[in-house]
PDB file of N, CA and C in Angstrom:
ATOM      1  N   MET A   1      39.074 102.367 167.984  1.00  0.00           N
ATOM      2  CA  MET A   1      38.225 101.023 168.860  1.00  0.00           C
ATOM      3  C   MET A   1      36.913 101.541 168.448  1.00  0.00           C
ATOM      4  N   LEU A   2      36.010 100.291 168.229  1.00  0.00           N
ATOM      5  CA  LEU A   2      34.633 100.687 168.149  1.00  0.00           C
ATOM      6  C   LEU A   2      33.929 101.178 169.699  1.00  0.00           C
ATOM      7  N   PRO A   3      33.225 102.226 169.623  1.00  0.00           N
ATOM      8  CA  PRO A   3      32.358 102.710 170.507  1.00  0.00           C
ATOM      9  C   PRO A   3      31.063 102.008 170.738  1.00  0.00           C
ATOM     10  N   ASP A   4      30.511 102.149 171.765  1.00  0.00           N
ATOM     11  CA  ASP A   4      29.313 100.998 171.591  1.00  0.00           C
ATOM     12  C   ASP A   4      28.028 101.586 170.902  1.00  0.00           C
ATOM     13  N   PHE A   5      27.935 103.033 170.600  1.00  0.00           N
ATOM     14  CA  PHE A   5      27.154 103.603 169.803  1.00  0.00           C
ATOM     15  C   PHE A   5      27.749 103.827 168.343  1.00  0.00           C
ATOM     16  N   LEU A   6      27.452 103.235 167.403  1.00  0.00           N
ATOM     17  CA  LEU A   6      27.574 103.521 165.815  1.00  0.00           C
ATOM     18  C   LEU A   6      26.805 105.123 165.652  1.00  0.00           C
ATOM     19  N   LEU A   7      25.934 105.283 166.312  1.00  0.00           N
ATOM     20  CA  LEU A   7      24.930 106.431 166.332  1.00  0.00           C
ATOM     21  C   LEU A   7      24.417 106.797 167.667  1.00  0.00           C
ATOM     22  N   PRO A   8      24.846 107.806 168.155  1.00  0.00           N
ATOM     23  CA  PRO A   8      23.882 108.360 169.744  1.00  0.00           C
ATOM     24  C   PRO A   8      23.016 108.665 169.274  1.00  0.00           C
ATOM     25  N   GLU A   9      21.801 108.690 170.573  1.00  0.00           N
ATOM     26  CA  GLU A   9      20.738 109.099 170.373  1.00  0.00           C
ATOM     27  C   GLU A   9      20.663 110.326 169.389  1.00  0.00           C
ATOM     28  N   CYS A  10      19.493 110.584 168.642  1.00  0.00           N
ATOM     29  CA  CYS A  10      19.407 111.757 167.786  1.00  0.00           C
ATOM     30  C   CYS A  10      17.739 111.793 167.592  1.00  0.00           C
ATOM     31  N   VAL A  11      17.674 113.063 167.271  1.00  0.00           N
ATOM     32  CA  VAL A  11      16.320 113.171 166.735  1.00  0.00           C
ATOM     33  C   VAL A  11      16.395 114.003 165.588  1.00  0.00           C
ATOM     34  N   THR A  12      15.871 113.798 164.162  1.00  0.00           N
ATOM     35  CA  THR A  12      16.240 114.339 163.287  1.00  0.00           C
ATOM     36  C   THR A  12      15.239 114.073 162.298  1.00  0.00           C
ATOM     37  N   GLN A  13      14.991 115.309 161.235  1.00  0.00           N
ATOM     38  CA  GLN A  13      13.818 115.380 160.191  1.00  0.00           C
ATOM     39  C   GLN A  13      14.422 115.415 158.649  1.00  0.00           C
ATOM     40  N   THR A  14      15.674 114.953 158.626  1.00  0.00           N
ATOM     41  CA  THR A  14      15.947 114.550 157.374  1.00  0.00           C
ATOM     42  C   THR A  14      16.799 113.356 157.212  1.00  0.00           C
ATOM     43  N   ASP A  15      17.204 112.922 155.963  1.00  0.00           N
ATOM     44  CA  ASP A  15      17.964 111.909 155.725  1.00  0.00           C
ATOM     45  C   ASP A  15      19.453 112.324 156.135  1.00  0.00           C
ATOM     46  N   GLY A  16      20.218 111.399 156.479  1.00  0.00           N
ATOM     47  CA  GLY A  16      21.600 111.413 156.710  1.00  0.00           C
ATOM     48  C   GLY A  16      22.397 110.269 156.917  1.00  0.00           C
ATOM     49  N   GLN A  17      23.499 110.818 157.581  1.00  0.00           N
ATOM     50  CA  GLN A  17      24.485 109.891 157.862  1.00  0.00           C
ATOM     51  C   GLN A  17      25.390 110.033 159.136  1.00  0.00           C
ATOM     52  N   GLY A  18      26.029 109.080 160.029  1.00  0.00           N
ATOM     53  CA  GLY A  18      26.825 109.384 161.094  1.00  0.00           C
ATOM     54  C   GLY A  18      28.181 109.278 160.888  1.00  0.00           C
ATOM     55  N   LEU A  19      28.806 109.572 161.774  1.00  0.00           N
ATOM     56  CA  LEU A  19      30.219 109.580 161.479  1.00  0.00           C
ATOM     57  C   LEU A  19      30.963 108.439 161.184  1.00  0.00           C
ATOM     58  N   ALA A  20      32.051 108.262 160.680  1.00  0.00           N
ATOM     59  CA  ALA A  20      32.915 107.048 160.312  1.00  0.00           C
ATOM     60  C   ALA A  20      33.243 106.590 161.601  1.00  0.00           C
ATOM     61  N   ILE A  21      32.928 105.210 162.060  1.00  0.00           N
ATOM     62  CA  ILE A  21      33.852 104.626 163.517  1.00  0.00           C
ATOM     63  C   ILE A  21      34.786 103.428 162.903  1.00  0.00           C
ATOM     64  N   ASP A  22      35.880 103.723 163.695  1.00  0.00           N
ATOM     65  CA  ASP A  22      36.898 102.708 163.508  1.00  0.00           C
ATOM     66  C   ASP A  22      36.559 101.521 164.193  1.00  0.00           C
ATOM     67  N   LEU A  23      36.668 100.351 163.634  1.00  0.00           N
ATOM     68  CA  LEU A  23      36.058  99.315 164.358  1.00  0.00           C
ATOM     69  C   LEU A  23      37.106  98.422 165.167  1.00  0.00           C
ATOM     70  N   GLY A  24      38.367  99.195 164.960  1.00  0.00           N
ATOM     71  CA  GLY A  24      39.456  98.446 166.199  1.00  0.00           C
ATOM     72  C   GLY A  24      39.519  97.076 166.142  1.00  0.00           C
ATOM     73  N   SER A  25      39.437  96.807 167.536  1.00  0.00           N
ATOM     74  CA  SER A  25      39.368  95.186 167.842  1.00  0.00           C
ATOM     75  C   SER A  25      38.331  94.573 167.402  1.00  0.00           C
ATOM     76  N   LYS A  26      37.141  94.901 166.995  1.00  0.00           N
ATOM     77  CA  LYS A  26      36.036  94.541 166.583  1.00  0.00           C
ATOM     78  C   LYS A  26      36.056  94.020 164.887  1.00  0.00           C
ATOM     79  N   ARG A  27      37.393  94.225 164.486  1.00  0.00           N
ATOM     80  CA  ARG A  27      37.546  94.234 162.960  1.00  0.00           C
ATOM     81  C   ARG A  27      37.702  92.744 162.676  1.00  0.00           C
ATOM     82  N   GLY A  28      36.532  91.894 161.775  1.00  0.00           N
ATOM     83  CA  GLY A  28      36.334  90.755 161.179  1.00  0.00           C
ATOM     84  C   GLY A  28      35.674  89.957 162.379  1.00  0.00           C
ATOM     85  N   LYS A  29      34.822  90.657 163.168  1.00  0.00           N
ATOM     86  CA  LYS A  29      34.168  89.991 164.219  1.00  0.00           C
ATOM     87  C   LYS A  29      32.764  89.880 163.587  1.00  0.00           C
ATOM     88  N   LEU A  30      31.946  89.223 164.703  1.00  0.00           N
ATOM     89  CA  LEU A  30      30.437  88.973 164.461  1.00  0.00           C
ATOM     90  C   LEU A  30      29.749  90.161 165.360  1.00  0.00           C
ATOM     91  N   LEU A  31      28.997  91.107 164.849  1.00  0.00           N
ATOM     92  CA  LEU A  31      28.374  92.004 165.753  1.00  0.00           C
ATOM     93  C   LEU A  31      26.975  91.966 165.765  1.00  0.00           C
ATOM     94  N   VAL A  32      26.269  92.537 166.869  1.00  0.00           N
ATOM     95  CA  VAL A  32      25.063  92.509 166.884  1.00  0.00           C
ATOM     96  C   VAL A  32      24.562  94.024 166.826  1.00  0.00           C
ATOM     97  N   LEU A  33      24.012  94.240 166.164  1.00  0.00           N
ATOM     98  CA  LEU A  33      23.603  95.768 165.950  1.00  0.00           C
ATOM     99  C   LEU A  33      22.046  96.109 166.279  1.00  0.00           C
ATOM    100  N   THR A  34      21.967  97.403 167.295  1.00  0.00           N
ATOM    101  CA  THR A  34      20.883  97.257 167.764  1.00  0.00           C
ATOM    102  C   THR A  34      20.196  98.578 167.479  1.00  0.00           C
ATOM    103  N   LEU A  35      19.092  98.670 166.747  1.00  0.00           N
ATOM    104  CA  LEU A  35      18.463 100.056 166.497  1.00  0.00           C
ATOM    105  C   LEU A  35      17.455 100.344 167.817  1.00  0.00           C
ATOM    106  N   GLY A  36      17.477 101.481 168.277  1.00  0.00           N
ATOM    107  CA  GLY A  36      16.422 101.860 169.252  1.00  0.00           C
ATOM    108  C   GLY A  36      15.639 103.062 168.580  1.00  0.00           C
ATOM    109  N   VAL A  37      14.063 102.671 168.465  1.00  0.00           N
ATOM    110  CA  VAL A  37      13.682 104.106 167.693  1.00  0.00           C
ATOM    111  C   VAL A  37      12.742 104.293 169.109  1.00  0.00           C
ATOM    112  N   ILE A  38      12.849 105.490 169.537  1.00  0.00           N
ATOM    113  CA  ILE A  38      12.478 105.988 170.529  1.00  0.00           C
ATOM    114  C   ILE A  38      11.315 107.410 170.344  1.00  0.00           C
ATOM    115  N   THR A  39      11.322 107.904 169.113  1.00  0.00           N
ATOM    116  CA  THR A  39      10.318 108.971 168.853  1.00  0.00           C
ATOM    117  C   THR A  39       9.674 108.922 167.200  1.00  0.00           C
ATOM    118  N   VAL A  40       8.739 108.782 166.709  1.00  0.00           N
ATOM    119  CA  VAL A  40       8.186 108.504 165.520  1.00  0.00           C
ATOM    120  C   VAL A  40       7.035 109.260 165.615  1.00  0.00           C
ATOM    121  N   LEU A  41       6.423 109.927 164.330  1.00  0.00           N
ATOM    122  CA  LEU A  41       5.523 110.530 164.162  1.00  0.00           C
ATOM    123  C   LEU A  41       4.615 109.639 163.078  1.00  0.00           C
ATOM    124  N   GLU A  42       3.090 109.802 163.082  1.00  0.00           N
ATOM    125  CA  GLU A  42       2.294 108.500 162.442  1.00  0.00           C
ATOM    126  C   GLU A  42       2.649 109.094 161.068  1.00  0.00           C
ATOM    127  N   GLN A  43       2.418 107.529 160.393  1.00  0.00           N
ATOM    128  CA  GLN A  43       2.723 107.400 159.183  1.00  0.00           C
ATOM    129  C   GLN A  43       3.823 107.905 158.255  1.00  0.00           C
ATOM    130  N   GLU A  44       4.911 107.468 159.081  1.00  0.00           N
ATOM    131  CA  GLU A  44       6.368 107.604 158.611  1.00  0.00           C
ATOM    132  C   GLU A  44       6.962 106.284 158.266  1.00  0.00           C
ATOM    133  N   GLY A  45       8.024 106.242 157.851  1.00  0.00           N
ATOM    134  CA  GLY A  45       8.911 105.254 157.764  1.00  0.00           C
ATOM    135  C   GLY A  45      10.347 105.514 157.810  1.00  0.00           C
ATOM    136  N   LEU A  46      11.434 104.733 158.525  1.00  0.00           N
ATOM    137  CA  LEU A  46      12.532 105.090 158.707  1.00  0.00           C
ATOM    138  C   LEU A  46      13.415 103.737 157.978  1.00  0.00           C
ATOM    139  N   GLU A  47      14.308 103.714 157.234  1.00  0.00           N
ATOM    140  CA  GLU A  47      15.402 102.833 156.822  1.00  0.00           C
ATOM    141  C   GLU A  47      16.675 103.328 157.204  1.00  0.00           C
ATOM    142  N   VAL A  48      17.389 102.165 158.326  1.00  0.00           N
ATOM    143  CA  VAL A  48      18.454 102.388 158.788  1.00  0.00           C
ATOM    144  C   VAL A  48      19.564 101.491 158.205  1.00  0.00           C
ATOM    145  N   SER A  49      20.626 101.718 157.341  1.00  0.00           N
ATOM    146  CA  SER A  49      21.542 100.722 157.045  1.00  0.00           C
ATOM    147  C   SER A  49      22.964 101.226 157.466  1.00  0.00           C
ATOM    148  N   VAL A  50      23.782 100.064 157.469  1.00  0.00           N
ATOM    149  CA  VAL A  50      25.110 100.339 158.179  1.00  0.00           C
ATOM    150  C   VAL A  50      26.263  99.919 157.122  1.00  0.00           C
ATOM    151  N   TRP A  51      27.197 100.944 156.944  1.00  0.00           N
ATOM    152  CA  TRP A  51      27.950 100.432 155.745  1.00  0.00           C
ATOM    153  C   TRP A  51      29.370 100.665 156.200  1.00  0.00           C
ATOM    154  N   GLY A  52      30.122 100.075 155.175  1.00  0.00           N
ATOM    155  CA  GLY A  52      31.686  99.861 155.237  1.00  0.00           C
ATOM    156  C   GLY A  52      32.761 100.309 154.549  1.00  0.00           C
ATOM    157  N   SER A  53      33.822 100.449 154.941  1.00  0.00           N
ATOM    158  CA  SER A  53      34.810 100.808 154.149  1.00  0.00           C
ATOM    159  C   SER A  53      36.299 100.736 154.763  1.00  0.00           C
ATOM    160  N   PRO A  54      37.033 100.307 153.633  1.00  0.00           N
ATOM    161  CA  PRO A  54      38.579  99.816 154.220  1.00  0.00           C
ATOM    162  C   PRO A  54      39.422 101.229 154.497  1.00  0.00           C
ATOM    163  N   ASP A  55      38.787 102.421 153.946  1.00  0.00           N
ATOM    164  CA  ASP A  55      39.577 103.569 154.049  1.00  0.00           C
ATOM    165  C   ASP A  55      39.231 104.905 154.225  1.00  0.00           C
ATOM    166  N   GLY A  56      37.552 105.107 154.174  1.00  0.00           N
ATOM    167  CA  GLY A  56      37.036 106.051 154.722  1.00  0.00           C
ATOM    168  C   GLY A  56      36.578 107.093 153.631  1.00  0.00           C
ATOM    169  N   GLU A  57      37.014 106.606 152.497  1.00  0.00           N
ATOM    170  CA  GLU A  57      37.094 107.018 151.056  1.00  0.00           C
ATOM    171  C   GLU A  57      36.000 106.481 150.278  1.00  0.00           C
ATOM    172  N   ASN A  58      35.913 104.903 150.343  1.00  0.00           N
ATOM    173  CA  ASN A  58      35.024 104.213 149.344  1.00  0.00           C
ATOM    174  C   ASN A  58      34.015 103.393 150.216  1.00  0.00           C
ATOM    175  N   TRP A  59      33.020 103.645 150.206  1.00  0.00           N
ATOM    176  CA  TRP A  59      31.881 103.024 151.095  1.00  0.00           C
ATOM    177  C   TRP A  59      31.297 101.856 150.183  1.00  0.00           C
ATOM    178  N   GLY A  60      31.493 101.816 149.135  1.00  0.00           N
ATOM    179  CA  GLY A  60      30.584 100.487 148.358  1.00  0.00           C
ATOM    180  C   GLY A  60      29.370 100.956 147.791  1.00  0.00           C
ATOM    181  N   SER A  61      28.874  99.997 147.272  1.00  0.00           N
ATOM    182  CA  SER A  61      27.526 100.158 146.588  1.00  0.00           C
ATOM    183  C   SER A  61      26.444  99.610 147.237  1.00  0.00           C
ATOM    184  N   LYS A  62      26.714  98.856 148.203  1.00  0.00           N
ATOM    185  CA  LYS A  62      25.921  98.038 148.934  1.00  0.00           C
ATOM    186  C   LYS A  62      25.986  98.233 150.598  1.00  0.00           C
ATOM    187  N   ALA A  63      25.094  98.383 151.203  1.00  0.00           N
ATOM    188  CA  ALA A  63      25.422  98.375 152.798  1.00  0.00           C
ATOM    189  C   ALA A  63      25.700  96.831 153.148  1.00  0.00           C
ATOM    190  N   LEU A  64      26.400  97.007 154.263  1.00  0.00           N
ATOM    191  CA  LEU A  64      26.547  95.731 155.081  1.00  0.00           C
ATOM    192  C   LEU A  64      25.394  95.082 155.817  1.00  0.00           C
ATOM    193  N   ALA A  65      24.703  96.080 156.309  1.00  0.00           N
ATOM    194  CA  ALA A  65      23.601  95.378 156.895  1.00  0.00           C
ATOM    195  C   ALA A  65      22.524  96.269 156.654  1.00  0.00           C
ATOM    196  N   THR A  66      21.096  95.904 156.848  1.00  0.00           N
ATOM    197  CA  THR A  66      19.842  96.622 156.794  1.00  0.00           C
ATOM    198  C   THR A  66      18.556  96.422 157.548  1.00  0.00           C
ATOM    199  N   TYR A  67      18.446  97.541 158.082  1.00  0.00           N
ATOM    200  CA  TYR A  67      17.220  97.109 159.071  1.00  0.00           C
ATOM    201  C   TYR A  67      15.890  96.879 158.076  1.00  0.00           C
ATOM    202  N   ALA A  68      15.073  96.288 158.632  1.00  0.00           N
ATOM    203  CA  ALA A  68      13.599  96.326 157.304  1.00  0.00           C
ATOM    204  C   ALA A  68      13.174  97.730 157.973  1.00  0.00           C
ATOM    205  N   PRO A  69      12.268  98.202 156.887  1.00  0.00           N
ATOM    206  CA  PRO A  69      11.754  99.586 157.445  1.00  0.00           C
ATOM    207  C   PRO A  69      10.804  99.560 158.607  1.00  0.00           C
ATOM    208  N   LYS A  70      11.046 100.783 159.659  1.00  0.00           N
ATOM    209  CA  LYS A  70      10.437 100.953 160.708  1.00  0.00           C
ATOM    210  C   LYS A  70       9.381 102.014 160.996  1.00  0.00           C
ATOM    211  N   SER A  71       8.500 101.772 161.511  1.00  0.00           N
ATOM    212  CA  SER A  71       7.379 102.752 161.518  1.00  0.00           C
ATOM    213  C   SER A  71       6.633 102.850 162.935  1.00  0.00           C
ATOM    214  N   TYR A  72       7.379 102.285 163.773  1.00  0.00           N
ATOM    215  CA  TYR A  72       6.933 102.197 165.340  1.00  0.00           C
ATOM    216  C   TYR A  72       8.071 102.161 166.051  1.00  0.00           C
ATOM    217  N   CYS A  73       7.783 102.675 167.321  1.00  0.00           N
ATOM    218  CA  CYS A  73       8.778 102.774 168.496  1.00  0.00           C
ATOM    219  C   CYS A  73       9.559 101.328 168.884  1.00  0.00           C
ATOM    220  N   GLY A  74      10.402 100.931 169.222  1.00  0.00           N
ATOM    221  CA  GLY A  74      10.973  99.544 169.359  1.00  0.00           C
ATOM    222  C   GLY A  74      12.462  99.572 169.372  1.00  0.00           C
ATOM    223  N   VAL A  75      12.902  98.217 169.707  1.00  0.00           N
ATOM    224  CA  VAL A  75      14.071  97.949 170.040  1.00  0.00           C
ATOM    225  C   VAL A  75      14.493  96.917 169.225  1.00  0.00           C
ATOM    226  N   TYR A  76      15.286  96.659 167.765  1.00  0.00           N
ATOM    227  CA  TYR A  76      15.252  95.861 166.520  1.00  0.00           C
ATOM    228  C   TYR A  76      16.735  95.478 166.704  1.00  0.00           C
ATOM    229  N   SER A  77      17.055  94.409 166.685  1.00  0.00           N
ATOM    230  CA  SER A  77      18.686  93.934 166.471  1.00  0.00           C
ATOM    231  C   SER A  77      18.561  93.023 165.137  1.00  0.00           C
ATOM    232  N   ILE A  78      19.851  93.192 164.502  1.00  0.00           N
ATOM    233  CA  ILE A  78      20.041  92.588 163.743  1.00  0.00           C
ATOM    234  C   ILE A  78      21.565  91.767 163.548  1.00  0.00           C
ATOM    235  N   LEU A  79      21.914  91.191 163.024  1.00  0.00           N
ATOM    236  CA  LEU A  79      23.513  90.697 162.773  1.00  0.00           C
ATOM    237  C   LEU A  79      24.503  91.068 161.753  1.00  0.00           C
ATOM    238  N   LEU A  80      25.661  91.458 162.153  1.00  0.00           N
ATOM    239  CA  LEU A  80      26.764  91.931 161.054  1.00  0.00           C
ATOM    240  C   LEU A  80      27.959  91.336 161.186  1.00  0.00           C
ATOM    241  N   ASN A  81      28.022  90.381 159.952  1.00  0.00           N
ATOM    242  CA  ASN A  81      28.972  89.430 159.938  1.00  0.00           C
ATOM    243  C   ASN A  81      29.992  89.851 159.383  1.00  0.00           C
ATOM    244  N   LEU A  82      31.462  90.248 159.885  1.00  0.00           N
ATOM    245  CA  LEU A  82      32.525  90.903 159.316  1.00  0.00           C
ATOM    246  C   LEU A  82      33.714  89.877 159.085  1.00  0.00           C
ATOM    247  N   VAL A  83      33.280  88.416 159.559  1.00  0.00           N
ATOM    248  CA  VAL A  83      34.320  87.344 159.607  1.00  0.00           C
ATOM    249  C   VAL A  83      35.215  87.360 158.459  1.00  0.00           C
ATOM    250  N   SER A  84      33.964  87.544 157.188  1.00  0.00           N
ATOM    251  CA  SER A  84      34.932  87.404 155.812  1.00  0.00           C
ATOM    252  C   SER A  84      35.440  88.606 155.373  1.00  0.00           C
ATOM    253  N   ARG A  85      35.159  89.709 156.236  1.00  0.00           N
ATOM    254  CA  ARG A  85      35.167  90.951 155.341  1.00  0.00           C
ATOM    255  C   ARG A  85      36.342  91.722 156.287  1.00  0.00           C
ATOM    256  N   LEU A  86      37.704  91.167 156.320  1.00  0.00           N
ATOM    257  CA  LEU A  86      38.734  91.960 157.015  1.00  0.00           C
ATOM    258  C   LEU A  86      39.304  93.428 156.484  1.00  0.00           C
ATOM    259  N   ASP A  87      38.801  93.629 155.251  1.00  0.00           N
ATOM    260  CA  ASP A  87      39.183  94.765 154.761  1.00  0.00           C
ATOM    261  C   ASP A  87      38.079  96.157 155.150  1.00  0.00           C
ATOM    262  N   ILE A  88      37.123  95.742 156.005  1.00  0.00           N
ATOM    263  CA  ILE A  88      36.181  96.606 156.512  1.00  0.00           C
ATOM    264  C   ILE A  88      36.961  97.262 157.839  1.00  0.00           C
ATOM    265  N   GLN A  89      37.209  98.563 157.800  1.00  0.00           N
ATOM    266  CA  GLN A  89      38.099  99.145 158.876  1.00  0.00           C
ATOM    267  C   GLN A  89      37.233  99.988 159.524  1.00  0.00           C
ATOM    268  N   LEU A  90      36.207 100.728 158.930  1.00  0.00           N
ATOM    269  CA  LEU A  90      35.233 101.796 159.129  1.00  0.00           C
ATOM    270  C   LEU A  90      33.904 101.380 158.857  1.00  0.00           C
ATOM    271  N   VAL A  91      33.113 101.831 159.566  1.00  0.00           N
ATOM    272  CA  VAL A  91      31.606 101.774 159.659  1.00  0.00           C
ATOM    273  C   VAL A  91      30.803 102.942 159.801  1.00  0.00           C
ATOM    274  N   ARG A  92      29.766 103.200 159.364  1.00  0.00           N
ATOM    275  CA  ARG A  92      28.794 104.395 159.614  1.00  0.00           C
ATOM    276  C   ARG A  92      27.473 103.954 159.425  1.00  0.00           C
ATOM    277  N   VAL A  93      26.348 104.836 160.025  1.00  0.00           N
ATOM    278  CA  VAL A  93      25.110 104.540 159.881  1.00  0.00           C
ATOM    279  C   VAL A  93      24.623 105.638 158.831  1.00  0.00           C
ATOM    280  N   GLN A  94      23.423 104.876 158.018  1.00  0.00           N
ATOM    281  CA  GLN A  94      22.923 106.012 156.897  1.00  0.00           C
ATOM    282  C   GLN A  94      21.338 105.780 157.083  1.00  0.00           C
ATOM    283  N   TRP A  95      20.747 106.768 156.849  1.00  0.00           N
ATOM    284  CA  TRP A  95      19.152 106.687 157.168  1.00  0.00           C
ATOM    285  C   TRP A  95      18.387 107.559 156.112  1.00  0.00           C
ATOM    286  N   LYS A  96      17.160 106.730 155.932  1.00  0.00           N
ATOM    287  CA  LYS A  96      16.052 107.550 154.837  1.00  0.00           C
ATOM    288  C   LYS A  96      14.880 107.535 155.658  1.00  0.00           C
ATOM    289  N   MET A  97      14.300 108.634 155.518  1.00  0.00           N
ATOM    290  CA  MET A  97      12.859 108.812 156.035  1.00  0.00           C
ATOM    291  C   MET A  97      11.650 109.158 155.257  1.00  0.00           C
ATOM    292  N   LYS A  98      10.640 108.426 155.169  1.00  0.00           N
ATOM    293  CA  LYS A  98       9.575 108.813 154.205  1.00  0.00           C
ATOM    294  C   LYS A  98       8.472 109.253 154.947  1.00  0.00           C
ATOM    295  N   ARG A  99       7.317 109.776 154.399  1.00  0.00           N
ATOM    296  CA  ARG A  99       6.027 110.036 154.669  1.00  0.00           C
ATOM    297  C   ARG A  99       5.073 109.462 153.852  1.00  0.00           C
ATOM    298  N   TRP A 100       4.033 108.991 154.228  1.00  0.00           N
ATOM    299  CA  TRP A 100       2.991 108.311 153.150  1.00  0.00           C
ATOM    300  C   TRP A 100       1.712 109.086 153.172  1.00  0.00           C
ATOM    301  N   SER A 101       1.351 110.050 154.194  1.00  0.00           N
ATOM    302  CA  SER A 101       0.233 110.791 154.384  1.00  0.00           C
ATOM    303  C   SER A 101      -0.090 111.987 153.373  1.00  0.00           C
ATOM    304  N   LYS A 102      -1.128 112.544 153.272  1.00  0.00           N
ATOM    305  CA  LYS A 102      -1.020 113.489 152.070  1.00  0.00           C
ATOM    306  C   LYS A 102      -1.030 114.883 152.948  1.00  0.00           C
ATOM    307  N   ARG A 103      -0.999 114.721 154.445  1.00  0.00           N
ATOM    308  CA  ARG A 103      -0.481 115.792 155.221  1.00  0.00           C
ATOM    309  C   ARG A 103       0.897 116.219 154.912  1.00  0.00           C
ATOM    310  N   GLU A 104       1.278 117.835 154.901  1.00  0.00           N
ATOM    311  CA  GLU A 104       2.499 118.323 154.660  1.00  0.00           C
ATOM    312  C   GLU A 104       3.263 118.347 156.141  1.00  0.00           C
ATOM    313  N   VAL A 105       3.485 117.499 156.685  1.00  0.00           N
ATOM    314  CA  VAL A 105       4.176 117.516 157.633  1.00  0.00           C
ATOM    315  C   VAL A 105       5.832 116.936 157.618  1.00  0.00           C
ATOM    316  N   THR A 106       6.786 117.643 158.003  1.00  0.00           N
ATOM    317  CA  THR A 106       8.082 116.908 158.055  1.00  0.00           C
ATOM    318  C   THR A 106       8.060 115.620 158.620  1.00  0.00           C
ATOM    319  N   PRO A 107       8.875 114.658 158.437  1.00  0.00           N
ATOM    320  CA  PRO A 107       9.040 113.420 159.077  1.00  0.00           C
ATOM    321  C   PRO A 107       9.807 113.808 160.305  1.00  0.00           C
ATOM    322  N   MET A 108       9.774 113.063 161.438  1.00  0.00           N
ATOM    323  CA  MET A 108      10.594 113.290 162.213  1.00  0.00           C
ATOM    324  C   MET A 108      10.896 111.742 163.106  1.00  0.00           C
ATOM    325  N   PHE A 109      12.254 111.222 163.359  1.00  0.00           N
ATOM    326  CA  PHE A 109      12.589 110.102 164.125  1.00  0.00           C
ATOM    327  C   PHE A 109      13.386 110.305 165.501  1.00  0.00           C
ATOM    328  N   GLY A 110      13.178 109.927 166.274  1.00  0.00           N
ATOM    329  CA  GLY A 110      14.526 109.884 167.450  1.00  0.00           C
ATOM    330  C   GLY A 110      14.954 108.283 167.328  1.00  0.00           C
ATOM    331  N   PHE A 111      16.165 108.082 167.286  1.00  0.00           N
ATOM    332  CA  PHE A 111      16.947 106.790 167.126  1.00  0.00           C
ATOM    333  C   PHE A 111      18.160 106.707 167.656  1.00  0.00           C
ATOM    334  N   TYR A 112      18.613 105.564 167.873  1.00  0.00           N
ATOM    335  CA  TYR A 112      20.045 105.391 167.955  1.00  0.00           C
ATOM    336  C   TYR A 112      20.454 104.056 167.346  1.00  0.00           C
ATOM    337  N   VAL A 113      21.754 103.985 167.128  1.00  0.00           N
ATOM    338  CA  VAL A 113      22.112 102.270 166.840  1.00  0.00           C
ATOM    339  C   VAL A 113      23.181 102.348 167.588  1.00  0.00           C
ATOM    340  N   TYR A 114      23.067 101.075 168.367  1.00  0.00           N
ATOM    341  CA  TYR A 114      24.254 100.510 169.376  1.00  0.00           C
ATOM    342  C   TYR A 114      24.787  99.126 168.714  1.00  0.00           C
ATOM    343  N   ALA A 115      26.270  98.937 168.696  1.00  0.00           N
ATOM    344  CA  ALA A 115      27.002  97.924 168.305  1.00  0.00           C
ATOM    345  C   ALA A 115      27.765  97.263 169.559  1.00  0.00           C
ATOM    346  N   GLU A 116      27.550  95.559 169.591  1.00  0.00           N
ATOM    347  CA  GLU A 116      28.349  94.908 170.516  1.00  0.00           C
ATOM    348  C   GLU A 116      28.491  93.410 169.883  1.00  0.00           C
ATOM    349  N   GLU A 117      29.949  93.266 170.678  1.00  0.00           N
ATOM    350  CA  GLU A 117      30.299  91.771 169.755  1.00  0.00           C
ATOM    351  C   GLU A 117      29.339  90.525 170.117  1.00  0.00           C
ATOM    352  N   SER A 118      29.166  90.085 169.261  1.00  0.00           N
ATOM    353  CA  SER A 118      28.097  88.615 169.659  1.00  0.00           C
ATOM    354  C   SER A 118      28.824  87.784 170.859  1.00  0.00           C
ATOM    355  N   GLY A 119      27.601  87.369 171.685  1.00  0.00           N
ATOM    356  CA  GLY A 119      27.861  86.927 173.004  1.00  0.00           C
ATOM    357  C   GLY A 119      28.520  87.949 174.020  1.00  0.00           C
ATOM    358  N   ALA A 120      28.813  88.820 173.756  1.00  0.00           N
ATOM    359  CA  ALA A 120      29.231  89.795 174.849  1.00  0.00           C
ATOM    360  C   ALA A 120      28.126  90.071 175.962  1.00  0.00           C
ATOM    361  N   ARG A 121      27.079  89.854 175.944  1.00  0.00           N
ATOM    362  CA  ARG A 121      25.877  89.987 176.959  1.00  0.00           C
ATOM    363  C   ARG A 121      26.160  88.736 177.451  1.00  0.00           C
ATOM    364  N   GLY A 122      26.303  87.485 177.007  1.00  0.00           N
ATOM    365  CA  GLY A 122      26.343  86.152 177.938  1.00  0.00           C
ATOM    366  C   GLY A 122      27.784  86.127 178.848  1.00  0.00           C
ATOM    367  N   CYS A 123      28.603  86.643 178.007  1.00  0.00           N
ATOM    368  CA  CYS A 123      30.203  86.795 178.899  1.00  0.00           C
ATOM    369  C   CYS A 123      29.963  87.858 180.180  1.00  0.00           C
ATOM    370  N   ALA A 124      29.142  88.857 179.737  1.00  0.00           N
ATOM    371  CA  ALA A 124      29.131  89.601 181.105  1.00  0.00           C
ATOM    372  C   ALA A 124      28.391  89.234 182.073  1.00  0.00           C
ATOM    373  N   ALA A 125      27.225  88.570 181.641  1.00  0.00           N
ATOM    374  CA  ALA A 125      26.133  87.938 182.837  1.00  0.00           C
ATOM    375  C   ALA A 125      27.272  86.504 183.287  1.00  0.00           C
ATOM    376  N   ALA A 126      28.027  86.201 182.830  1.00  0.00           N
ATOM    377  CA  ALA A 126      28.744  85.328 183.462  1.00  0.00           C
ATOM    378  C   ALA A 126      29.962  85.503 184.459  1.00  0.00           C
ATOM    379  N   VAL A 127      30.128  86.697 184.112  1.00  0.00           N
ATOM    380  CA  VAL A 127      31.018  87.268 185.009  1.00  0.00           C
ATOM    381  C   VAL A 127      30.792  88.072 186.030  1.00  0.00           C
ATOM    382  N   ALA A 128      29.359  87.984 186.280  1.00  0.00           N
ATOM    383  CA  ALA A 128      28.537  88.865 187.185  1.00  0.00           C
ATOM    384  C   ALA A 128      28.437  87.786 188.410  1.00  0.00           C
TER     385      ALA A 128
END
């Protein structure tokens, strides 16, 4: 089953990828993906994408969803429509960092990626 966090809050200085997460009951649904950038050094960029796989081996040649590059702290949401992608069983987050100043400083970002079914916030508010 899909936990709320595709990538728990982390601080990193290198490109990387998160763990493969089973979609469970969220398979074939419309999801809201929220990227929270909580730490950033100046003159850096973070590119975050979400990849899908039917089997945990083949992740394809194109991301299912990609955020526009980020250089500032903030909370950013995009949609991931899996309605026509019933073959996707697993997802994982990948990220790349870059620095564009001439200083020799390693990039550093603190961030997380959260997933929820579209409409979940409205349903929770209606119940409360």
